[in-house]
Amino acid sequence: MSFPVRKSLFVGIAGISLIGTLAGCAPSAQAPAASTGSASSTPAAGTGDSSSAASGYKDGTYSADGNYVSPNGTETVGVELTLSGGTVSGVNITQHPSNPNTRKFQGEFAGGIAAQIVGKKLDELTVSKVAGSSLTSGGFNQAVEKIKSEAQ
């Protein structure tokens, strides 16, 4: 009779563990912490073309850091976007992991973000989950907002 009780106990513990793991991957309801990083830009030559004037954004490469809250605390991700005519033509993610889990998720995010944003208008960028990483996108979106204001 002890076997069914033991089996039920293990199934219950496994279920609680799975719920805890999934909760750690869910988007945070907290607002992102204020960033200590600042946006910087390096405008490209030819910033006066009509396509960039029409988009409202200057062509160039812009960088900013964004913060997000993970189960391990506040994390930071660096974002570098290259704009041409208000459209993203390149992206580079700088990882700032504080632990192995963050390194894993930021790495997955960095590996999948280009496929989702290159070729899109800057005003259309909002990502929620990239390559299995749902929290890193909060920091990315925060950095994009800084880049938008810098590129105007």
N, C-alpha and C. Protein backbone atom coordinates (compact mmCIF):
# COMPACT_ATOMS: atom_id res chain seq x y z
N MET A 1 0.81 -1.20 0.00
CA MET A 1 0.00 0.00 0.00
C MET A 1 0.85 1.26 0.00
N SER A 2 2.10 1.15 0.41
CA SER A 2 2.93 2.35 0.45
C SER A 2 3.37 2.80 -0.94
N PHE A 3 3.39 1.89 -1.92
CA PHE A 3 3.82 2.25 -3.27
C PHE A 3 2.91 3.30 -3.92
N PRO A 4 1.57 3.15 -3.91
CA PRO A 4 0.72 4.19 -4.51
C PRO A 4 0.86 5.54 -3.82
N VAL A 5 1.04 5.56 -2.51
CA VAL A 5 1.21 6.83 -1.80
C VAL A 5 2.53 7.48 -2.22
N ARG A 6 3.59 6.69 -2.28
CA ARG A 6 4.90 7.21 -2.67
C ARG A 6 4.85 7.73 -4.11
N LYS A 7 4.20 7.00 -4.99
CA LYS A 7 4.08 7.41 -6.39
C LYS A 7 3.30 8.72 -6.49
N SER A 8 2.22 8.84 -5.74
CA SER A 8 1.43 10.08 -5.74
C SER A 8 2.24 11.24 -5.22
N LEU A 9 3.05 11.01 -4.21
CA LEU A 9 3.89 12.05 -3.65
C LEU A 9 4.91 12.54 -4.69
N PHE A 10 5.54 11.61 -5.40
CA PHE A 10 6.51 11.99 -6.43
C PHE A 10 5.85 12.74 -7.58
N VAL A 11 4.67 12.30 -7.99
CA VAL A 11 3.94 12.98 -9.06
C VAL A 11 3.58 14.40 -8.62
N GLY A 12 3.15 14.56 -7.39
CA GLY A 12 2.81 15.89 -6.86
C GLY A 12 4.02 16.81 -6.82
N ILE A 13 5.14 16.30 -6.37
CA ILE A 13 6.37 17.10 -6.31
C ILE A 13 6.82 17.48 -7.71
N ALA A 14 6.74 16.54 -8.65
CA ALA A 14 7.13 16.84 -10.04
C ALA A 14 6.22 17.91 -10.63
N GLY A 15 4.93 17.87 -10.33
CA GLY A 15 3.99 18.87 -10.83
C GLY A 15 4.29 20.25 -10.28
N ILE A 16 4.57 20.33 -9.01
CA ILE A 16 4.91 21.62 -8.39
C ILE A 16 6.20 22.16 -8.98
N SER A 17 7.17 21.29 -9.19
CA SER A 17 8.43 21.71 -9.79
C SER A 17 8.22 22.26 -11.20
N LEU A 18 7.39 21.60 -11.99
CA LEU A 18 7.09 22.05 -13.35
C LEU A 18 6.40 23.40 -13.34
N ILE A 19 5.46 23.59 -12.44
CA ILE A 19 4.76 24.88 -12.33
C ILE A 19 5.74 25.98 -11.97
N GLY A 20 6.65 25.72 -11.06
CA GLY A 20 7.65 26.71 -10.68
C GLY A 20 8.57 27.07 -11.84
N THR A 21 8.94 26.07 -12.63
CA THR A 21 9.80 26.31 -13.79
C THR A 21 9.08 27.15 -14.83
N LEU A 22 7.83 26.83 -15.11
CA LEU A 22 7.05 27.58 -16.09
C LEU A 22 6.80 29.00 -15.62
N ALA A 23 6.58 29.19 -14.33
CA ALA A 23 6.35 30.54 -13.79
C ALA A 23 7.59 31.40 -13.98
N GLY A 24 8.76 30.81 -13.92
CA GLY A 24 10.00 31.55 -14.13
C GLY A 24 10.18 32.00 -15.57
N CYS A 25 9.49 31.37 -16.52
CA CYS A 25 9.58 31.73 -17.93
C CYS A 25 8.49 32.70 -18.35
N ALA A 26 7.51 32.91 -17.49
CA ALA A 26 6.38 33.77 -17.84
C ALA A 26 6.80 35.24 -17.79
N PRO A 27 6.14 36.11 -18.57
CA PRO A 27 6.46 37.53 -18.54
C PRO A 27 6.20 38.11 -17.16
N SER A 28 7.02 39.01 -16.76
CA SER A 28 6.90 39.64 -15.45
C SER A 28 5.84 40.72 -15.50
N ALA A 29 5.05 40.85 -14.44
CA ALA A 29 4.04 41.90 -14.36
C ALA A 29 4.65 43.20 -13.87
N GLN A 30 5.88 43.15 -13.36
CA GLN A 30 6.53 44.35 -12.88
C GLN A 30 7.04 45.19 -14.02
N ALA A 31 7.03 46.50 -13.80
CA ALA A 31 7.61 47.40 -14.80
C ALA A 31 9.12 47.24 -14.75
N PRO A 32 9.79 47.37 -15.88
CA PRO A 32 11.25 47.25 -15.87
C PRO A 32 11.88 48.35 -15.02
N ALA A 33 12.97 48.00 -14.38
CA ALA A 33 13.69 48.98 -13.58
C ALA A 33 14.31 50.04 -14.47
N ALA A 34 14.53 51.20 -13.92
CA ALA A 34 15.16 52.28 -14.70
C ALA A 34 16.55 51.85 -15.11
N SER A 35 16.90 52.19 -16.31
CA SER A 35 18.19 51.79 -16.85
C SER A 35 19.27 52.76 -16.41
N THR A 36 20.43 52.22 -16.16
CA THR A 36 21.58 53.07 -15.86
C THR A 36 22.36 53.37 -17.12
N GLY A 37 22.06 52.63 -18.20
CA GLY A 37 22.75 52.83 -19.47
C GLY A 37 22.14 53.99 -20.23
N SER A 38 22.84 54.47 -21.22
CA SER A 38 22.30 55.55 -22.02
C SER A 38 22.41 55.18 -23.48
N ALA A 39 21.54 55.78 -24.25
CA ALA A 39 21.57 55.51 -25.69
C ALA A 39 22.69 56.32 -26.32
N SER A 40 23.32 55.75 -27.32
CA SER A 40 24.34 56.47 -28.06
C SER A 40 24.13 56.19 -29.52
N SER A 41 24.62 57.08 -30.35
CA SER A 41 24.42 56.86 -31.78
C SER A 41 25.65 57.24 -32.55
N THR A 42 25.75 56.64 -33.70
CA THR A 42 26.78 56.98 -34.66
C THR A 42 26.07 57.09 -36.00
N PRO A 43 25.61 58.28 -36.36
CA PRO A 43 24.87 58.40 -37.61
C PRO A 43 25.73 58.02 -38.80
N ALA A 44 25.10 57.40 -39.78
CA ALA A 44 25.80 57.01 -41.00
C ALA A 44 25.89 58.19 -41.94
N ALA A 45 26.80 58.11 -42.87
CA ALA A 45 26.88 59.15 -43.89
C ALA A 45 25.61 59.11 -44.71
N GLY A 46 25.16 60.27 -45.17
CA GLY A 46 23.95 60.32 -45.98
C GLY A 46 22.70 60.36 -45.15
N THR A 47 22.76 60.98 -43.96
CA THR A 47 21.59 61.02 -43.11
C THR A 47 20.51 61.96 -43.63
N GLY A 48 20.81 62.69 -44.68
CA GLY A 48 19.84 63.63 -45.19
C GLY A 48 18.98 63.08 -46.31
N ASP A 49 19.00 61.78 -46.58
CA ASP A 49 18.20 61.29 -47.69
C ASP A 49 16.71 61.33 -47.36
N SER A 50 15.88 61.34 -48.39
CA SER A 50 14.45 61.53 -48.21
C SER A 50 13.78 60.38 -47.48
N SER A 51 14.30 59.15 -47.61
CA SER A 51 13.66 58.03 -46.94
C SER A 51 13.80 58.13 -45.43
N SER A 52 14.94 58.63 -44.93
CA SER A 52 15.09 58.77 -43.49
C SER A 52 14.27 59.95 -42.99
N ALA A 53 14.15 61.01 -43.80
CA ALA A 53 13.34 62.15 -43.39
C ALA A 53 11.87 61.74 -43.33
N ALA A 54 11.42 60.93 -44.26
CA ALA A 54 10.03 60.49 -44.29
C ALA A 54 9.71 59.59 -43.10
N SER A 55 10.66 58.79 -42.65
CA SER A 55 10.41 57.88 -41.53
C SER A 55 10.45 58.58 -40.19
N GLY A 56 11.11 59.73 -40.14
CA GLY A 56 11.25 60.42 -38.86
C GLY A 56 12.46 59.99 -38.08
N TYR A 57 13.24 59.04 -38.58
CA TYR A 57 14.43 58.56 -37.90
C TYR A 57 15.65 58.77 -38.79
N LYS A 58 16.74 59.17 -38.17
CA LYS A 58 18.00 59.36 -38.90
C LYS A 58 18.67 58.00 -39.11
N ASP A 59 19.24 57.82 -40.29
CA ASP A 59 20.00 56.60 -40.57
C ASP A 59 21.23 56.57 -39.65
N GLY A 60 21.64 55.39 -39.27
CA GLY A 60 22.83 55.23 -38.45
C GLY A 60 22.75 54.00 -37.59
N THR A 61 23.73 53.87 -36.72
CA THR A 61 23.79 52.76 -35.77
C THR A 61 23.62 53.32 -34.38
N TYR A 62 22.68 52.77 -33.64
CA TYR A 62 22.33 53.27 -32.31
C TYR A 62 22.43 52.14 -31.29
N SER A 63 22.86 52.50 -30.08
CA SER A 63 23.01 51.51 -29.01
C SER A 63 22.34 51.97 -27.75
N ALA A 64 21.77 51.03 -27.01
CA ALA A 64 21.17 51.31 -25.71
C ALA A 64 21.12 50.03 -24.91
N ASP A 65 21.09 50.17 -23.60
CA ASP A 65 20.89 49.04 -22.71
C ASP A 65 19.46 49.06 -22.20
N GLY A 66 18.91 47.87 -22.00
CA GLY A 66 17.58 47.74 -21.41
C GLY A 66 17.63 46.77 -20.25
N ASN A 67 16.79 47.01 -19.26
CA ASN A 67 16.74 46.16 -18.07
C ASN A 67 15.43 45.39 -18.04
N TYR A 68 15.46 44.24 -17.40
CA TYR A 68 14.26 43.45 -17.18
C TYR A 68 14.44 42.66 -15.90
N VAL A 69 13.33 42.21 -15.34
CA VAL A 69 13.37 41.46 -14.09
C VAL A 69 13.19 39.98 -14.40
N SER A 70 14.11 39.18 -13.88
CA SER A 70 14.04 37.73 -14.03
C SER A 70 13.96 37.11 -12.63
N PRO A 71 13.76 35.82 -12.55
CA PRO A 71 13.75 35.18 -11.23
C PRO A 71 15.07 35.38 -10.46
N ASN A 72 16.14 35.72 -11.19
CA ASN A 72 17.44 35.92 -10.55
C ASN A 72 17.71 37.38 -10.21
N GLY A 73 16.75 38.27 -10.48
CA GLY A 73 16.93 39.69 -10.19
C GLY A 73 16.90 40.51 -11.47
N THR A 74 17.37 41.73 -11.38
CA THR A 74 17.38 42.62 -12.54
C THR A 74 18.54 42.27 -13.46
N GLU A 75 18.23 42.12 -14.73
CA GLU A 75 19.20 41.76 -15.75
C GLU A 75 19.28 42.89 -16.78
N THR A 76 20.39 42.95 -17.51
CA THR A 76 20.60 43.97 -18.53
C THR A 76 20.99 43.31 -19.84
N VAL A 77 20.46 43.86 -20.94
CA VAL A 77 20.82 43.39 -22.27
C VAL A 77 21.14 44.61 -23.12
N GLY A 78 22.22 44.53 -23.88
CA GLY A 78 22.62 45.62 -24.77
C GLY A 78 22.07 45.40 -26.16
N VAL A 79 21.57 46.48 -26.77
CA VAL A 79 20.98 46.39 -28.11
C VAL A 79 21.65 47.42 -29.00
N GLU A 80 22.07 46.99 -30.18
CA GLU A 80 22.62 47.88 -31.20
C GLU A 80 21.81 47.65 -32.47
N LEU A 81 21.17 48.73 -32.95
CA LEU A 81 20.37 48.64 -34.17
C LEU A 81 20.97 49.54 -35.23
N THR A 82 20.99 49.06 -36.46
CA THR A 82 21.38 49.87 -37.61
C THR A 82 20.11 50.18 -38.37
N LEU A 83 19.88 51.49 -38.63
CA LEU A 83 18.67 51.95 -39.30
C LEU A 83 19.00 52.51 -40.67
N SER A 84 18.13 52.23 -41.60
CA SER A 84 18.23 52.78 -42.94
C SER A 84 16.82 53.08 -43.41
N GLY A 85 16.51 54.36 -43.56
CA GLY A 85 15.16 54.74 -43.97
C GLY A 85 14.10 54.37 -42.96
N GLY A 86 14.44 54.35 -41.69
CA GLY A 86 13.49 54.00 -40.65
C GLY A 86 13.27 52.51 -40.50
N THR A 87 14.03 51.71 -41.25
CA THR A 87 13.92 50.25 -41.22
C THR A 87 15.18 49.66 -40.60
N VAL A 88 15.00 48.63 -39.80
CA VAL A 88 16.14 47.95 -39.17
C VAL A 88 16.87 47.14 -40.24
N SER A 89 18.15 47.46 -40.42
CA SER A 89 18.95 46.72 -41.39
C SER A 89 19.99 45.82 -40.71
N GLY A 90 20.13 45.96 -39.41
CA GLY A 90 21.07 45.12 -38.67
C GLY A 90 20.81 45.21 -37.18
N VAL A 91 21.17 44.15 -36.47
CA VAL A 91 21.00 44.12 -35.02
C VAL A 91 22.16 43.34 -34.40
N ASN A 92 22.59 43.81 -33.25
CA ASN A 92 23.62 43.12 -32.49
C ASN A 92 23.21 43.17 -31.02
N ILE A 93 23.23 42.04 -30.34
CA ILE A 93 22.88 41.96 -28.93
C ILE A 93 24.14 41.74 -28.12
N THR A 94 24.33 42.57 -27.10
CA THR A 94 25.44 42.40 -26.17
C THR A 94 24.88 41.80 -24.90
N GLN A 95 25.35 40.63 -24.56
CA GLN A 95 24.85 39.92 -23.39
C GLN A 95 25.56 40.41 -22.13
N HIS A 96 24.78 40.58 -21.07
CA HIS A 96 25.30 40.95 -19.76
C HIS A 96 24.75 39.97 -18.72
N PRO A 97 25.08 38.68 -18.83
CA PRO A 97 24.48 37.70 -17.92
C PRO A 97 25.05 37.78 -16.51
N SER A 98 24.17 37.55 -15.54
CA SER A 98 24.62 37.52 -14.15
C SER A 98 24.75 36.08 -13.64
N ASN A 99 24.26 35.13 -14.42
CA ASN A 99 24.33 33.73 -14.01
C ASN A 99 24.15 32.83 -15.24
N PRO A 100 24.37 31.54 -15.11
CA PRO A 100 24.27 30.63 -16.27
C PRO A 100 22.90 30.62 -16.95
N ASN A 101 21.82 30.72 -16.17
CA ASN A 101 20.48 30.74 -16.77
C ASN A 101 20.30 31.97 -17.65
N THR A 102 20.73 33.12 -17.15
CA THR A 102 20.62 34.35 -17.93
C THR A 102 21.47 34.25 -19.19
N ARG A 103 22.65 33.70 -19.07
CA ARG A 103 23.53 33.52 -20.22
C ARG A 103 22.83 32.67 -21.29
N LYS A 104 22.17 31.60 -20.86
CA LYS A 104 21.46 30.70 -21.78
C LYS A 104 20.34 31.46 -22.51
N PHE A 105 19.48 32.13 -21.76
CA PHE A 105 18.33 32.79 -22.37
C PHE A 105 18.73 34.00 -23.21
N GLN A 106 19.70 34.78 -22.75
CA GLN A 106 20.15 35.91 -23.57
C GLN A 106 20.83 35.41 -24.84
N GLY A 107 21.53 34.29 -24.76
CA GLY A 107 22.16 33.71 -25.94
C GLY A 107 21.13 33.23 -26.95
N GLU A 108 20.08 32.58 -26.48
CA GLU A 108 19.01 32.15 -27.37
C GLU A 108 18.33 33.35 -28.01
N PHE A 109 18.10 34.38 -27.22
CA PHE A 109 17.47 35.61 -27.73
C PHE A 109 18.35 36.23 -28.81
N ALA A 110 19.63 36.37 -28.52
CA ALA A 110 20.57 36.97 -29.47
C ALA A 110 20.61 36.18 -30.78
N GLY A 111 20.50 34.87 -30.69
CA GLY A 111 20.55 34.03 -31.88
C GLY A 111 19.29 34.09 -32.73
N GLY A 112 18.17 34.52 -32.17
CA GLY A 112 16.92 34.51 -32.92
C GLY A 112 16.31 35.85 -33.24
N ILE A 113 16.86 36.93 -32.67
CA ILE A 113 16.22 38.24 -32.83
C ILE A 113 16.31 38.79 -34.25
N ALA A 114 17.40 38.60 -34.94
CA ALA A 114 17.56 39.17 -36.28
C ALA A 114 16.46 38.70 -37.22
N ALA A 115 16.10 37.44 -37.14
CA ALA A 115 15.07 36.89 -38.02
C ALA A 115 13.71 37.55 -37.79
N GLN A 116 13.49 38.09 -36.59
CA GLN A 116 12.20 38.69 -36.28
C GLN A 116 12.13 40.18 -36.56
N ILE A 117 13.28 40.88 -36.61
CA ILE A 117 13.19 42.34 -36.73
C ILE A 117 13.87 42.95 -37.94
N VAL A 118 14.87 42.31 -38.52
CA VAL A 118 15.55 42.90 -39.66
C VAL A 118 14.56 43.01 -40.82
N GLY A 119 14.49 44.21 -41.41
CA GLY A 119 13.55 44.48 -42.49
C GLY A 119 12.26 45.12 -42.03
N LYS A 120 12.08 45.25 -40.70
CA LYS A 120 10.86 45.87 -40.18
C LYS A 120 11.12 47.34 -39.85
N LYS A 121 10.07 48.12 -39.90
CA LYS A 121 10.14 49.53 -39.52
C LYS A 121 10.38 49.63 -38.02
N LEU A 122 11.17 50.62 -37.62
CA LEU A 122 11.49 50.81 -36.20
C LEU A 122 10.22 50.97 -35.37
N ASP A 123 9.24 51.68 -35.90
CA ASP A 123 8.00 51.88 -35.15
C ASP A 123 7.18 50.60 -34.97
N GLU A 124 7.47 49.56 -35.72
CA GLU A 124 6.74 48.30 -35.64
C GLU A 124 7.39 47.30 -34.67
N LEU A 125 8.53 47.65 -34.10
CA LEU A 125 9.27 46.70 -33.26
C LEU A 125 8.68 46.60 -31.86
N THR A 126 8.19 45.44 -31.55
CA THR A 126 7.83 45.04 -30.19
C THR A 126 7.89 43.53 -30.21
N VAL A 127 8.80 42.97 -29.45
CA VAL A 127 8.92 41.52 -29.41
C VAL A 127 8.46 41.02 -28.05
N SER A 128 7.94 39.79 -28.03
CA SER A 128 7.48 39.23 -26.76
C SER A 128 8.23 37.96 -26.38
N LYS A 129 8.51 37.12 -27.35
CA LYS A 129 9.24 35.88 -27.05
C LYS A 129 10.08 35.55 -28.26
N VAL A 130 11.37 35.35 -28.03
CA VAL A 130 12.29 35.05 -29.12
C VAL A 130 13.08 33.81 -28.74
N ALA A 131 13.00 32.79 -29.56
CA ALA A 131 13.77 31.55 -29.39
C ALA A 131 13.66 30.97 -27.98
N GLY A 132 12.47 31.05 -27.40
CA GLY A 132 12.25 30.48 -26.08
C GLY A 132 12.53 31.42 -24.93
N SER A 133 13.04 32.59 -25.21
CA SER A 133 13.35 33.56 -24.16
C SER A 133 12.26 34.62 -24.13
N SER A 134 11.46 34.63 -23.07
CA SER A 134 10.36 35.59 -22.99
C SER A 134 10.69 36.80 -22.14
N LEU A 135 11.62 36.72 -21.21
CA LEU A 135 11.91 37.85 -20.33
C LEU A 135 12.90 38.83 -20.95
N THR A 136 13.87 38.33 -21.71
CA THR A 136 14.88 39.19 -22.32
C THR A 136 14.22 40.23 -23.23
N SER A 137 13.10 39.88 -23.82
CA SER A 137 12.41 40.82 -24.71
C SER A 137 11.99 42.09 -23.99
N GLY A 138 11.74 42.04 -22.70
CA GLY A 138 11.39 43.25 -21.95
C GLY A 138 12.54 44.25 -21.95
N GLY A 139 13.75 43.77 -21.75
CA GLY A 139 14.93 44.64 -21.82
C GLY A 139 15.17 45.13 -23.22
N PHE A 140 14.96 44.26 -24.21
CA PHE A 140 15.12 44.64 -25.61
C PHE A 140 14.15 45.76 -25.96
N ASN A 141 12.88 45.60 -25.62
CA ASN A 141 11.87 46.62 -25.93
C ASN A 141 12.19 47.95 -25.25
N GLN A 142 12.71 47.90 -24.03
CA GLN A 142 13.09 49.12 -23.33
C GLN A 142 14.23 49.82 -24.07
N ALA A 143 15.21 49.06 -24.52
CA ALA A 143 16.34 49.63 -25.27
C ALA A 143 15.86 50.22 -26.59
N VAL A 144 14.93 49.57 -27.27
CA VAL A 144 14.40 50.07 -28.54
C VAL A 144 13.73 51.43 -28.33
N GLU A 145 13.01 51.60 -27.23
CA GLU A 145 12.37 52.90 -26.96
C GLU A 145 13.42 54.00 -26.80
N LYS A 146 14.53 53.70 -26.16
CA LYS A 146 15.61 54.67 -26.02
C LYS A 146 16.21 55.00 -27.39
N ILE A 147 16.39 53.97 -28.21
CA ILE A 147 16.95 54.16 -29.54
C ILE A 147 16.02 55.01 -30.40
N LYS A 148 14.72 54.79 -30.29
CA LYS A 148 13.75 55.59 -31.05
C LYS A 148 13.90 57.07 -30.73
N SER A 149 14.01 57.39 -29.46
CA SER A 149 14.13 58.81 -29.09
C SER A 149 15.48 59.39 -29.54
N GLU A 150 16.51 58.59 -29.52
CA GLU A 150 17.84 59.05 -29.94
C GLU A 150 17.92 59.25 -31.46
N ALA A 151 17.22 58.42 -32.22
CA ALA A 151 17.31 58.44 -33.67
C ALA A 151 16.43 59.51 -34.32
N GLN A 152 15.62 60.20 -33.57
CA GLN A 152 14.73 61.22 -34.15
C GLN A 152 15.46 62.48 -34.50
